[in-house]
Amino acid sequence: MRVYHFLNERYGIEAITNQTLKVSRLKSLNDPFEHYHIDTDNYGTRSVLKGRLNRANRELGVICFSKSYTSPVQWAHYGDCHRGICLGFDIPEEELFEIDYMNHRTAGREFKSSLDLKGREYIKYMLSKKHEHWKYEQEVRTIIPFPENVMDDRLIFTPFGDKFSLIEIMLGLRCTISVKNIKSYLGKERHKFQIYKMEMSPIEYAMQLPQVLT
């Protein structure tokens, strides 16, 4: 499945150069309702969810992607106001899960059934639902297990490879790095990738690939 990951210019260059992606820690995701889509009016529910999140944060991380690279809002929010870079990956579908966008919290009665899930499957369920205001992201995610418990807030990276096959590199409309510069970072590997400079669609509120490729 082709999916897209937005970065600012600096981190985009680092990802391309190092052939790695940063793994988001569960407690650092930008939506405070992550892992808390279940109604937490009950104190016991809140307490259990907090404890489970603390434990999972030491064991698992997540990488977030989008199914689209055309949203100007995505480029603004995650691509540094169109100055950043978007990386297109081919990832096996079984490694990904989609987000279910909702206009209300999950009923508290589902809390007990969620506790029957363990490890990766539990986190996958808890991170699979978000408020519908996030729908524009068209988000898909993958869970990354850590090789050992991470007790601090260090940064975690995972390498490109069979599960994260880089195919496309898209430079934002306002990105100061040129296609030629990107090719220099890739060295002998540059012929393996498609590299584009994004343009504004002349007829839609959307970004598009250039009509004339560089």
N, C-alpha and C. Protein backbone atom coordinates (compact mmCIF):
# COMPACT_ATOMS: atom_id res chain seq x y z
N MET A 1 0.86 -1.19 0.00
CA MET A 1 0.00 0.00 0.00
C MET A 1 0.89 1.24 0.00
N ARG A 2 0.60 2.20 -0.86
CA ARG A 2 1.37 3.43 -0.92
C ARG A 2 0.83 4.42 0.12
N VAL A 3 1.69 4.87 1.02
CA VAL A 3 1.31 5.82 2.06
C VAL A 3 2.37 6.91 2.14
N TYR A 4 2.03 8.00 2.85
CA TYR A 4 2.86 9.21 2.80
C TYR A 4 3.13 9.75 4.20
N HIS A 5 4.36 10.22 4.39
CA HIS A 5 4.80 10.72 5.68
C HIS A 5 5.38 12.12 5.49
N PHE A 6 4.80 13.11 6.17
CA PHE A 6 5.21 14.50 6.03
C PHE A 6 6.24 14.86 7.10
N LEU A 7 7.25 15.65 6.70
CA LEU A 7 8.30 16.10 7.61
C LEU A 7 8.71 17.52 7.24
N ASN A 8 9.32 18.23 8.20
CA ASN A 8 9.90 19.50 7.81
C ASN A 8 11.20 19.22 7.04
N GLU A 9 11.78 20.26 6.48
CA GLU A 9 12.93 20.08 5.60
C GLU A 9 14.10 19.38 6.30
N ARG A 10 14.43 19.85 7.49
CA ARG A 10 15.58 19.29 8.20
C ARG A 10 15.39 17.80 8.48
N TYR A 11 14.24 17.44 9.05
CA TYR A 11 14.03 16.04 9.40
C TYR A 11 13.80 15.18 8.16
N GLY A 12 13.29 15.79 7.10
CA GLY A 12 13.15 15.05 5.86
C GLY A 12 14.51 14.67 5.29
N ILE A 13 15.43 15.62 5.30
CA ILE A 13 16.79 15.34 4.81
C ILE A 13 17.46 14.29 5.69
N GLU A 14 17.28 14.39 7.01
CA GLU A 14 17.88 13.41 7.91
C GLU A 14 17.32 12.01 7.65
N ALA A 15 16.00 11.94 7.43
CA ALA A 15 15.38 10.64 7.15
C ALA A 15 15.93 10.03 5.88
N ILE A 16 16.06 10.85 4.84
CA ILE A 16 16.58 10.37 3.56
C ILE A 16 18.04 9.95 3.69
N THR A 17 18.83 10.76 4.36
CA THR A 17 20.27 10.49 4.50
C THR A 17 20.52 9.26 5.35
N ASN A 18 19.81 9.16 6.48
CA ASN A 18 20.04 8.06 7.42
C ASN A 18 19.21 6.82 7.10
N GLN A 19 18.25 6.96 6.17
CA GLN A 19 17.36 5.86 5.81
C GLN A 19 16.62 5.31 7.04
N THR A 20 16.11 6.25 7.84
CA THR A 20 15.35 5.88 9.03
C THR A 20 14.15 6.80 9.20
N LEU A 21 13.15 6.33 9.94
CA LEU A 21 12.00 7.14 10.34
C LEU A 21 11.93 7.19 11.85
N LYS A 22 11.60 8.36 12.38
CA LYS A 22 11.43 8.48 13.83
C LYS A 22 10.11 7.82 14.25
N VAL A 23 10.17 7.06 15.30
CA VAL A 23 8.99 6.40 15.87
C VAL A 23 8.40 7.32 16.93
N SER A 24 7.11 7.60 16.82
CA SER A 24 6.45 8.46 17.82
C SER A 24 6.19 7.67 19.09
N ARG A 25 6.56 8.24 20.22
CA ARG A 25 6.22 7.65 21.51
C ARG A 25 4.73 7.88 21.77
N LEU A 26 4.08 6.92 22.38
CA LEU A 26 2.62 6.97 22.53
C LEU A 26 2.16 8.18 23.34
N LYS A 27 2.95 8.60 24.31
CA LYS A 27 2.55 9.71 25.17
C LYS A 27 2.92 11.06 24.59
N SER A 28 3.53 11.08 23.39
CA SER A 28 3.93 12.35 22.80
C SER A 28 3.08 12.71 21.58
N LEU A 29 2.07 11.92 21.25
CA LEU A 29 1.22 12.22 20.09
C LEU A 29 0.47 13.52 20.31
N ASN A 30 0.21 14.25 19.23
CA ASN A 30 -0.28 15.62 19.37
C ASN A 30 -1.74 15.74 19.78
N ASP A 31 -2.50 14.66 19.72
CA ASP A 31 -3.90 14.69 20.14
C ASP A 31 -3.99 14.14 21.57
N PRO A 32 -4.41 14.94 22.56
CA PRO A 32 -4.48 14.45 23.94
C PRO A 32 -5.49 13.33 24.15
N PHE A 33 -6.40 13.14 23.18
CA PHE A 33 -7.40 12.07 23.29
C PHE A 33 -6.89 10.73 22.75
N GLU A 34 -5.64 10.69 22.25
CA GLU A 34 -5.07 9.42 21.84
C GLU A 34 -5.12 8.46 23.03
N HIS A 35 -5.59 7.24 22.76
CA HIS A 35 -5.70 6.19 23.77
C HIS A 35 -6.86 6.43 24.73
N TYR A 36 -7.53 7.56 24.60
CA TYR A 36 -8.64 7.88 25.50
C TYR A 36 -9.94 8.11 24.72
N HIS A 37 -10.16 7.32 23.66
CA HIS A 37 -11.41 7.49 22.92
C HIS A 37 -12.60 6.91 23.68
N ILE A 38 -12.33 6.05 24.65
CA ILE A 38 -13.41 5.50 25.49
C ILE A 38 -13.85 6.55 26.51
N ASP A 39 -15.13 6.61 26.75
CA ASP A 39 -15.69 7.51 27.77
C ASP A 39 -15.01 7.22 29.11
N THR A 40 -14.35 8.23 29.68
CA THR A 40 -13.60 8.02 30.93
C THR A 40 -14.24 8.74 32.11
N ASP A 41 -15.55 8.82 32.12
CA ASP A 41 -16.24 9.48 33.21
C ASP A 41 -16.02 8.73 34.53
N ASN A 42 -15.76 7.44 34.42
CA ASN A 42 -15.53 6.61 35.60
C ASN A 42 -14.06 6.69 36.03
N TYR A 43 -13.82 6.94 37.32
CA TYR A 43 -12.44 7.08 37.81
C TYR A 43 -11.64 5.80 37.60
N GLY A 44 -12.26 4.65 37.82
CA GLY A 44 -11.56 3.39 37.65
C GLY A 44 -11.09 3.19 36.22
N THR A 45 -11.93 3.58 35.26
CA THR A 45 -11.55 3.48 33.86
C THR A 45 -10.35 4.36 33.56
N ARG A 46 -10.40 5.59 34.05
CA ARG A 46 -9.28 6.51 33.82
C ARG A 46 -7.99 5.96 34.39
N SER A 47 -8.07 5.41 35.58
CA SER A 47 -6.88 4.90 36.26
C SER A 47 -6.26 3.72 35.51
N VAL A 48 -7.10 2.80 35.05
CA VAL A 48 -6.59 1.63 34.33
C VAL A 48 -5.99 2.04 32.99
N LEU A 49 -6.67 2.93 32.27
CA LEU A 49 -6.16 3.37 30.98
C LEU A 49 -4.82 4.09 31.14
N LYS A 50 -4.69 4.91 32.16
CA LYS A 50 -3.44 5.61 32.39
C LYS A 50 -2.30 4.63 32.66
N GLY A 51 -2.58 3.62 33.49
CA GLY A 51 -1.56 2.63 33.80
C GLY A 51 -1.14 1.84 32.58
N ARG A 52 -2.11 1.46 31.77
CA ARG A 52 -1.81 0.70 30.55
C ARG A 52 -1.01 1.54 29.56
N LEU A 53 -1.36 2.82 29.45
CA LEU A 53 -0.62 3.70 28.54
C LEU A 53 0.82 3.86 29.00
N ASN A 54 1.03 4.04 30.29
CA ASN A 54 2.39 4.18 30.82
C ASN A 54 3.23 2.94 30.49
N ARG A 55 2.63 1.77 30.65
CA ARG A 55 3.35 0.53 30.36
C ARG A 55 3.62 0.38 28.87
N ALA A 56 2.60 0.63 28.05
CA ALA A 56 2.76 0.48 26.60
C ALA A 56 3.77 1.48 26.04
N ASN A 57 3.86 2.65 26.64
CA ASN A 57 4.80 3.68 26.18
C ASN A 57 6.24 3.21 26.26
N ARG A 58 6.52 2.26 27.14
CA ARG A 58 7.86 1.71 27.28
C ARG A 58 8.14 0.59 26.29
N GLU A 59 7.07 0.04 25.70
CA GLU A 59 7.21 -1.18 24.90
C GLU A 59 6.95 -0.98 23.41
N LEU A 60 6.13 0.02 23.06
CA LEU A 60 5.67 0.17 21.68
C LEU A 60 5.69 1.63 21.27
N GLY A 61 5.85 1.85 19.96
CA GLY A 61 5.70 3.18 19.39
C GLY A 61 4.82 3.08 18.15
N VAL A 62 4.61 4.21 17.50
CA VAL A 62 3.75 4.24 16.32
C VAL A 62 4.34 5.19 15.28
N ILE A 63 4.16 4.87 14.01
CA ILE A 63 4.49 5.79 12.93
C ILE A 63 3.20 6.08 12.17
N CYS A 64 2.94 7.35 11.92
CA CYS A 64 1.70 7.78 11.30
C CYS A 64 1.94 8.18 9.84
N PHE A 65 1.04 7.74 8.97
CA PHE A 65 1.11 8.04 7.55
C PHE A 65 -0.25 8.56 7.08
N SER A 66 -0.29 9.04 5.87
CA SER A 66 -1.54 9.45 5.24
C SER A 66 -1.69 8.67 3.94
N LYS A 67 -2.95 8.48 3.52
CA LYS A 67 -3.21 7.84 2.23
C LYS A 67 -3.13 8.83 1.08
N SER A 68 -2.89 10.11 1.40
CA SER A 68 -2.87 11.14 0.36
C SER A 68 -1.74 12.13 0.58
N TYR A 69 -1.22 12.67 -0.51
CA TYR A 69 -0.20 13.72 -0.44
C TYR A 69 -0.72 15.04 -0.98
N THR A 70 -2.01 15.14 -1.31
CA THR A 70 -2.54 16.30 -2.03
C THR A 70 -3.15 17.37 -1.14
N SER A 71 -3.38 17.07 0.13
CA SER A 71 -4.07 18.01 1.01
C SER A 71 -3.18 19.21 1.35
N PRO A 72 -3.61 20.44 1.02
CA PRO A 72 -2.81 21.61 1.41
C PRO A 72 -2.78 21.80 2.92
N VAL A 73 -3.80 21.29 3.62
CA VAL A 73 -3.82 21.39 5.09
C VAL A 73 -2.77 20.46 5.69
N GLN A 74 -2.64 19.25 5.15
CA GLN A 74 -1.59 18.34 5.60
C GLN A 74 -0.22 18.96 5.40
N TRP A 75 0.00 19.54 4.23
CA TRP A 75 1.28 20.18 3.96
C TRP A 75 1.54 21.34 4.92
N ALA A 76 0.48 22.07 5.26
CA ALA A 76 0.64 23.20 6.18
C ALA A 76 0.95 22.73 7.59
N HIS A 77 0.23 21.72 8.07
CA HIS A 77 0.37 21.28 9.46
C HIS A 77 1.61 20.41 9.69
N TYR A 78 1.92 19.50 8.78
CA TYR A 78 2.99 18.54 9.01
C TYR A 78 4.18 18.73 8.07
N GLY A 79 3.99 19.52 7.03
CA GLY A 79 5.07 19.78 6.09
C GLY A 79 5.60 21.19 6.21
N ASP A 80 5.55 21.76 7.43
CA ASP A 80 6.16 23.06 7.73
C ASP A 80 5.68 24.14 6.76
N CYS A 81 4.35 24.29 6.69
CA CYS A 81 3.76 25.34 5.83
C CYS A 81 4.24 25.24 4.39
N HIS A 82 4.29 23.99 3.89
CA HIS A 82 4.67 23.71 2.50
C HIS A 82 6.17 23.88 2.24
N ARG A 83 6.97 24.07 3.30
CA ARG A 83 8.42 24.15 3.14
C ARG A 83 9.10 22.80 3.32
N GLY A 84 8.33 21.79 3.69
CA GLY A 84 8.91 20.50 4.04
C GLY A 84 8.93 19.50 2.91
N ILE A 85 8.99 18.24 3.32
CA ILE A 85 9.17 17.12 2.41
C ILE A 85 8.15 16.03 2.76
N CYS A 86 7.62 15.36 1.75
CA CYS A 86 6.72 14.23 1.95
C CYS A 86 7.37 13.00 1.33
N LEU A 87 7.46 11.92 2.10
CA LEU A 87 8.06 10.68 1.64
C LEU A 87 6.97 9.65 1.37
N GLY A 88 7.00 9.05 0.18
CA GLY A 88 6.03 8.03 -0.18
C GLY A 88 6.63 6.64 -0.02
N PHE A 89 5.97 5.80 0.78
CA PHE A 89 6.46 4.44 1.07
C PHE A 89 5.47 3.40 0.57
N ASP A 90 6.00 2.27 0.16
CA ASP A 90 5.19 1.08 -0.03
C ASP A 90 5.35 0.20 1.20
N ILE A 91 4.23 -0.06 1.87
CA ILE A 91 4.23 -0.84 3.12
C ILE A 91 3.18 -1.94 2.99
N PRO A 92 3.48 -3.18 3.39
CA PRO A 92 2.48 -4.25 3.34
C PRO A 92 1.22 -3.86 4.11
N GLU A 93 0.05 -4.10 3.53
CA GLU A 93 -1.20 -3.68 4.14
C GLU A 93 -1.40 -4.29 5.52
N GLU A 94 -0.90 -5.51 5.72
CA GLU A 94 -1.09 -6.16 7.01
C GLU A 94 -0.32 -5.47 8.13
N GLU A 95 0.62 -4.60 7.78
CA GLU A 95 1.38 -3.86 8.78
C GLU A 95 0.67 -2.57 9.20
N LEU A 96 -0.39 -2.20 8.50
CA LEU A 96 -1.05 -0.92 8.72
C LEU A 96 -2.47 -1.10 9.26
N PHE A 97 -2.95 -0.08 9.95
CA PHE A 97 -4.37 -0.04 10.32
C PHE A 97 -4.88 1.38 10.13
N GLU A 98 -6.14 1.49 9.72
CA GLU A 98 -6.74 2.78 9.43
C GLU A 98 -7.40 3.37 10.67
N ILE A 99 -7.61 4.66 10.63
CA ILE A 99 -8.27 5.36 11.72
C ILE A 99 -9.78 5.44 11.44
N ASP A 100 -10.55 5.16 12.47
CA ASP A 100 -12.01 5.30 12.41
C ASP A 100 -12.35 6.66 13.01
N TYR A 101 -12.86 7.58 12.20
CA TYR A 101 -13.15 8.94 12.66
C TYR A 101 -14.60 9.00 13.17
N MET A 102 -14.76 9.53 14.39
CA MET A 102 -16.05 9.50 15.07
C MET A 102 -16.42 10.89 15.58
N ASN A 103 -17.71 11.13 15.81
CA ASN A 103 -18.14 12.42 16.37
C ASN A 103 -18.49 12.31 17.85
N HIS A 104 -18.18 11.15 18.47
CA HIS A 104 -18.47 10.97 19.90
C HIS A 104 -17.49 9.96 20.49
N ARG A 105 -17.33 9.99 21.78
CA ARG A 105 -16.46 9.04 22.47
C ARG A 105 -17.08 7.64 22.45
N THR A 106 -16.24 6.61 22.50
CA THR A 106 -16.72 5.23 22.56
C THR A 106 -17.41 5.00 23.90
N ALA A 107 -18.52 4.27 23.87
CA ALA A 107 -19.28 4.00 25.10
C ALA A 107 -18.41 3.29 26.12
N GLY A 108 -18.57 3.68 27.38
CA GLY A 108 -17.78 3.09 28.46
C GLY A 108 -17.95 1.59 28.60
N ARG A 109 -19.07 1.05 28.13
CA ARG A 109 -19.30 -0.39 28.26
C ARG A 109 -18.31 -1.22 27.45
N GLU A 110 -17.63 -0.58 26.48
CA GLU A 110 -16.62 -1.30 25.70
C GLU A 110 -15.29 -1.40 26.44
N PHE A 111 -15.20 -0.74 27.57
CA PHE A 111 -13.94 -0.73 28.32
C PHE A 111 -13.50 -2.13 28.71
N LYS A 112 -14.44 -2.91 29.29
CA LYS A 112 -14.07 -4.24 29.76
C LYS A 112 -13.60 -5.13 28.62
N SER A 113 -14.29 -5.07 27.48
CA SER A 113 -13.88 -5.92 26.36
C SER A 113 -12.50 -5.52 25.83
N SER A 114 -12.15 -4.23 25.93
CA SER A 114 -10.84 -3.79 25.47
C SER A 114 -9.73 -4.39 26.32
N LEU A 115 -10.03 -4.68 27.57
CA LEU A 115 -9.01 -5.23 28.47
C LEU A 115 -8.63 -6.66 28.12
N ASP A 116 -9.45 -7.32 27.30
CA ASP A 116 -9.12 -8.68 26.86
C ASP A 116 -8.03 -8.67 25.79
N LEU A 117 -7.79 -7.51 25.19
CA LEU A 117 -6.75 -7.40 24.19
C LEU A 117 -5.39 -7.20 24.88
N LYS A 118 -4.36 -7.72 24.27
CA LYS A 118 -3.03 -7.65 24.88
C LYS A 118 -2.02 -7.00 23.93
N GLY A 119 -1.03 -6.32 24.52
CA GLY A 119 0.12 -5.81 23.78
C GLY A 119 -0.25 -5.01 22.56
N ARG A 120 0.28 -5.45 21.42
CA ARG A 120 0.12 -4.73 20.17
C ARG A 120 -1.35 -4.58 19.77
N GLU A 121 -2.16 -5.63 19.95
CA GLU A 121 -3.57 -5.58 19.55
C GLU A 121 -4.34 -4.58 20.40
N TYR A 122 -3.99 -4.48 21.68
CA TYR A 122 -4.65 -3.50 22.55
C TYR A 122 -4.34 -2.08 22.09
N ILE A 123 -3.06 -1.79 21.84
CA ILE A 123 -2.67 -0.45 21.41
C ILE A 123 -3.26 -0.13 20.05
N LYS A 124 -3.29 -1.12 19.17
CA LYS A 124 -3.89 -0.92 17.85
C LYS A 124 -5.35 -0.49 17.99
N TYR A 125 -6.09 -1.14 18.88
CA TYR A 125 -7.49 -0.76 19.10
C TYR A 125 -7.60 0.63 19.72
N MET A 126 -6.77 0.91 20.70
CA MET A 126 -6.88 2.18 21.42
C MET A 126 -6.44 3.37 20.57
N LEU A 127 -5.59 3.12 19.56
CA LEU A 127 -5.12 4.20 18.69
C LEU A 127 -5.84 4.22 17.34
N SER A 128 -6.93 3.49 17.22
CA SER A 128 -7.61 3.38 15.92
C SER A 128 -8.82 4.29 15.79
N LYS A 129 -9.12 5.09 16.82
CA LYS A 129 -10.31 5.95 16.79
C LYS A 129 -9.93 7.38 17.18
N LYS A 130 -10.41 8.33 16.36
CA LYS A 130 -10.14 9.75 16.62
C LYS A 130 -11.39 10.56 16.28
N HIS A 131 -11.42 11.79 16.78
CA HIS A 131 -12.55 12.67 16.47
C HIS A 131 -12.57 12.98 14.98
N GLU A 132 -13.77 13.17 14.44
CA GLU A 132 -13.93 13.36 13.00
C GLU A 132 -13.25 14.62 12.46
N HIS A 133 -12.90 15.57 13.34
CA HIS A 133 -12.20 16.76 12.89
C HIS A 133 -10.83 16.43 12.29
N TRP A 134 -10.31 15.25 12.62
CA TRP A 134 -9.01 14.82 12.09
C TRP A 134 -9.15 14.09 10.75
N LYS A 135 -10.34 13.99 10.23
CA LYS A 135 -10.61 13.15 9.07
C LYS A 135 -9.79 13.55 7.84
N TYR A 136 -9.47 14.84 7.74
CA TYR A 136 -8.72 15.32 6.57
C TYR A 136 -7.36 14.64 6.43
N GLU A 137 -6.86 14.06 7.54
CA GLU A 137 -5.54 13.43 7.50
C GLU A 137 -5.52 12.11 6.72
N GLN A 138 -6.69 11.44 6.60
CA GLN A 138 -6.76 10.13 5.94
C GLN A 138 -5.65 9.21 6.47
N GLU A 139 -5.60 9.12 7.79
CA GLU A 139 -4.44 8.52 8.45
C GLU A 139 -4.48 7.01 8.51
N VAL A 140 -3.30 6.43 8.32
CA VAL A 140 -3.04 5.02 8.62
C VAL A 140 -1.80 4.96 9.50
N ARG A 141 -1.71 3.89 10.28
CA ARG A 141 -0.62 3.80 11.25
C ARG A 141 -0.01 2.40 11.26
N THR A 142 1.19 2.34 11.79
CA THR A 142 1.82 1.05 12.03
C THR A 142 2.43 1.07 13.44
N ILE A 143 2.34 -0.06 14.12
CA ILE A 143 2.88 -0.20 15.47
C ILE A 143 4.31 -0.73 15.38
N ILE A 144 5.21 -0.11 16.14
CA ILE A 144 6.62 -0.52 16.16
C ILE A 144 6.97 -1.02 17.56
N PRO A 145 7.20 -2.33 17.72
CA PRO A 145 7.64 -2.83 19.03
C PRO A 145 9.10 -2.49 19.27
N PHE A 146 9.42 -2.09 20.49
CA PHE A 146 10.80 -1.80 20.85
C PHE A 146 11.54 -3.11 21.21
N PRO A 147 12.82 -3.21 20.88
CA PRO A 147 13.57 -4.43 21.21
C PRO A 147 13.74 -4.62 22.71
N GLU A 148 13.62 -3.53 23.47
CA GLU A 148 13.70 -3.60 24.93
C GLU A 148 12.87 -2.47 25.52
N ASN A 149 12.50 -2.59 26.77
CA ASN A 149 11.74 -1.53 27.41
C ASN A 149 12.54 -0.23 27.42
N VAL A 150 11.90 0.86 27.02
CA VAL A 150 12.54 2.17 27.00
C VAL A 150 11.95 3.00 28.14
N MET A 151 12.73 3.20 29.17
CA MET A 151 12.23 3.81 30.40
C MET A 151 12.28 5.34 30.37
N ASP A 152 13.02 5.91 29.41
CA ASP A 152 13.16 7.36 29.36
C ASP A 152 12.49 7.92 28.11
N ASP A 153 12.78 9.16 27.77
CA ASP A 153 12.14 9.83 26.64
C ASP A 153 13.05 9.91 25.42
N ARG A 154 14.01 9.01 25.29
CA ARG A 154 14.92 9.05 24.16
C ARG A 154 14.17 8.91 22.84
N LEU A 155 14.80 9.39 21.75
CA LEU A 155 14.22 9.25 20.43
C LEU A 155 14.50 7.85 19.89
N ILE A 156 13.50 7.27 19.23
CA ILE A 156 13.62 5.93 18.67
C ILE A 156 13.44 6.03 17.16
N PHE A 157 14.30 5.33 16.41
CA PHE A 157 14.22 5.33 14.94
C PHE A 157 14.13 3.90 14.44
N THR A 158 13.48 3.73 13.30
CA THR A 158 13.41 2.41 12.67
C THR A 158 13.90 2.55 11.24
N PRO A 159 14.64 1.57 10.74
CA PRO A 159 15.24 1.71 9.40
C PRO A 159 14.25 1.47 8.27
N PHE A 160 14.53 2.10 7.12
CA PHE A 160 13.83 1.72 5.90
C PHE A 160 14.17 0.26 5.61
N GLY A 161 13.38 -0.37 4.77
CA GLY A 161 13.64 -1.76 4.41
C GLY A 161 12.44 -2.34 3.71
N ASP A 162 12.29 -3.65 3.80
CA ASP A 162 11.18 -4.32 3.12
C ASP A 162 9.82 -3.83 3.63
N LYS A 163 9.74 -3.53 4.92
CA LYS A 163 8.46 -3.07 5.47
C LYS A 163 8.24 -1.59 5.24
N PHE A 164 9.31 -0.84 5.01
CA PHE A 164 9.23 0.60 4.74
C PHE A 164 10.07 0.90 3.51
N SER A 165 9.48 0.64 2.34
CA SER A 165 10.21 0.80 1.10
C SER A 165 9.96 2.20 0.53
N LEU A 166 10.98 3.06 0.56
CA LEU A 166 10.85 4.42 0.06
C LEU A 166 10.78 4.40 -1.46
N ILE A 167 9.73 5.05 -2.02
CA ILE A 167 9.50 5.06 -3.46
C ILE A 167 9.54 6.46 -4.03
N GLU A 168 8.93 7.43 -3.31
CA GLU A 168 8.77 8.78 -3.82
C GLU A 168 9.26 9.81 -2.81
N ILE A 169 9.78 10.91 -3.30
CA ILE A 169 10.16 12.05 -2.48
C ILE A 169 9.52 13.28 -3.09
N MET A 170 8.67 13.96 -2.31
CA MET A 170 7.95 15.13 -2.80
C MET A 170 8.35 16.35 -2.00
N LEU A 171 8.82 17.36 -2.67
CA LEU A 171 9.25 18.60 -2.03
C LEU A 171 8.08 19.58 -2.02
N GLY A 172 7.87 20.22 -0.87
CA GLY A 172 6.78 21.17 -0.75
C GLY A 172 6.92 22.35 -1.70
N LEU A 173 5.82 22.99 -1.95
CA LEU A 173 5.78 24.14 -2.86
C LEU A 173 6.81 25.20 -2.49
N ARG A 174 7.02 25.41 -1.18
CA ARG A 174 7.93 26.45 -0.71
C ARG A 174 9.26 25.89 -0.21
N CYS A 175 9.51 24.63 -0.47
CA CYS A 175 10.75 24.00 -0.02
C CYS A 175 11.94 24.65 -0.72
N THR A 176 12.99 24.98 0.03
CA THR A 176 14.16 25.65 -0.54
C THR A 176 15.17 24.68 -1.13
N ILE A 177 15.00 23.40 -0.82
CA ILE A 177 15.89 22.38 -1.38
C ILE A 177 15.41 22.03 -2.78
N SER A 178 16.32 21.90 -3.72
CA SER A 178 15.96 21.57 -5.09
C SER A 178 15.98 20.06 -5.31
N VAL A 179 15.39 19.62 -6.39
CA VAL A 179 15.44 18.21 -6.76
C VAL A 179 16.89 17.77 -6.93
N LYS A 180 17.72 18.64 -7.51
CA LYS A 180 19.14 18.32 -7.70
C LYS A 180 19.83 18.10 -6.36
N ASN A 181 19.51 18.94 -5.35
CA ASN A 181 20.09 18.79 -4.02
C ASN A 181 19.71 17.44 -3.41
N ILE A 182 18.44 17.08 -3.54
CA ILE A 182 17.97 15.81 -2.99
C ILE A 182 18.72 14.65 -3.63
N LYS A 183 18.92 14.71 -4.92
CA LYS A 183 19.65 13.65 -5.61
C LYS A 183 21.07 13.52 -5.08
N SER A 184 21.67 14.66 -4.70
CA SER A 184 23.03 14.61 -4.16
C SER A 184 23.06 13.91 -2.81
N TYR A 185 22.00 14.07 -2.00
CA TYR A 185 21.93 13.37 -0.71
C TYR A 185 21.78 11.86 -0.92
N LEU A 186 21.13 11.46 -2.00
CA LEU A 186 20.87 10.06 -2.25
C LEU A 186 22.06 9.35 -2.87
N GLY A 187 22.96 10.12 -3.47
CA GLY A 187 24.16 9.53 -4.08
C GLY A 187 23.81 8.52 -5.16
N LYS A 188 24.45 7.36 -5.11
CA LYS A 188 24.25 6.33 -6.12
C LYS A 188 22.85 5.73 -6.08
N GLU A 189 22.13 5.97 -4.98
CA GLU A 189 20.78 5.41 -4.84
C GLU A 189 19.72 6.27 -5.52
N ARG A 190 20.11 7.44 -6.07
CA ARG A 190 19.11 8.41 -6.52
C ARG A 190 18.20 7.89 -7.64
N HIS A 191 18.68 6.95 -8.43
CA HIS A 191 17.88 6.46 -9.55
C HIS A 191 16.75 5.53 -9.10
N LYS A 192 16.75 5.15 -7.83
CA LYS A 192 15.72 4.25 -7.33
C LYS A 192 14.42 4.98 -6.98
N PHE A 193 14.47 6.31 -6.91
CA PHE A 193 13.33 7.06 -6.40
C PHE A 193 12.80 8.07 -7.41
N GLN A 194 11.50 8.32 -7.33
CA GLN A 194 10.89 9.41 -8.06
C GLN A 194 10.93 10.65 -7.16
N ILE A 195 11.39 11.78 -7.69
CA ILE A 195 11.52 13.01 -6.91
C ILE A 195 10.74 14.11 -7.60
N TYR A 196 9.88 14.79 -6.84
CA TYR A 196 9.00 15.80 -7.42
C TYR A 196 9.02 17.09 -6.61
N LYS A 197 8.70 18.17 -7.26
CA LYS A 197 8.44 19.46 -6.61
C LYS A 197 6.95 19.73 -6.77
N MET A 198 6.24 19.87 -5.65
CA MET A 198 4.79 20.00 -5.68
C MET A 198 4.35 21.33 -6.30
N GLU A 199 3.16 21.29 -6.90
CA GLU A 199 2.55 22.48 -7.47
C GLU A 199 1.12 22.62 -6.94
N MET A 200 0.56 23.81 -7.09
CA MET A 200 -0.85 24.04 -6.79
C MET A 200 -1.69 23.59 -7.97
N SER A 201 -2.77 22.88 -7.68
CA SER A 201 -3.71 22.54 -8.75
C SER A 201 -4.35 23.82 -9.28
N PRO A 202 -4.50 23.95 -10.59
CA PRO A 202 -5.13 25.16 -11.14
C PRO A 202 -6.65 25.16 -11.02
N ILE A 203 -7.26 24.00 -10.63
CA ILE A 203 -8.72 23.93 -10.61
C ILE A 203 -9.30 23.46 -9.28
N GLU A 204 -8.47 22.95 -8.37
CA GLU A 204 -8.95 22.42 -7.09
C GLU A 204 -8.14 23.00 -5.94
N TYR A 205 -8.71 22.92 -4.73
CA TYR A 205 -7.94 23.23 -3.53
C TYR A 205 -7.11 22.00 -3.18
N ALA A 206 -6.07 21.77 -3.93
CA ALA A 206 -5.25 20.57 -3.76
C ALA A 206 -3.86 20.82 -4.33
N MET A 207 -2.91 20.09 -3.78
CA MET A 207 -1.56 20.09 -4.33
C MET A 207 -1.48 18.97 -5.35
N GLN A 208 -0.58 19.10 -6.29
CA GLN A 208 -0.43 18.08 -7.32
C GLN A 208 1.03 17.93 -7.72
N LEU A 209 1.33 16.79 -8.36
CA LEU A 209 2.66 16.58 -8.91
C LEU A 209 2.84 17.52 -10.11
N PRO A 210 4.09 17.87 -10.40
CA PRO A 210 4.32 18.81 -11.51
C PRO A 210 3.87 18.22 -12.84
N GLN A 211 3.35 19.09 -13.69
CA GLN A 211 2.91 18.65 -15.02
C GLN A 211 4.12 18.33 -15.90
N VAL A 212 5.24 19.01 -15.64
CA VAL A 212 6.48 18.71 -16.34
C VAL A 212 7.48 18.22 -15.30
N LEU A 213 7.88 16.96 -15.39
CA LEU A 213 8.75 16.37 -14.39
C LEU A 213 10.19 16.83 -14.59
N THR A 214 10.88 17.03 -13.44
CA THR A 214 12.29 17.45 -13.49
C THR A 214 13.20 16.25 -13.71
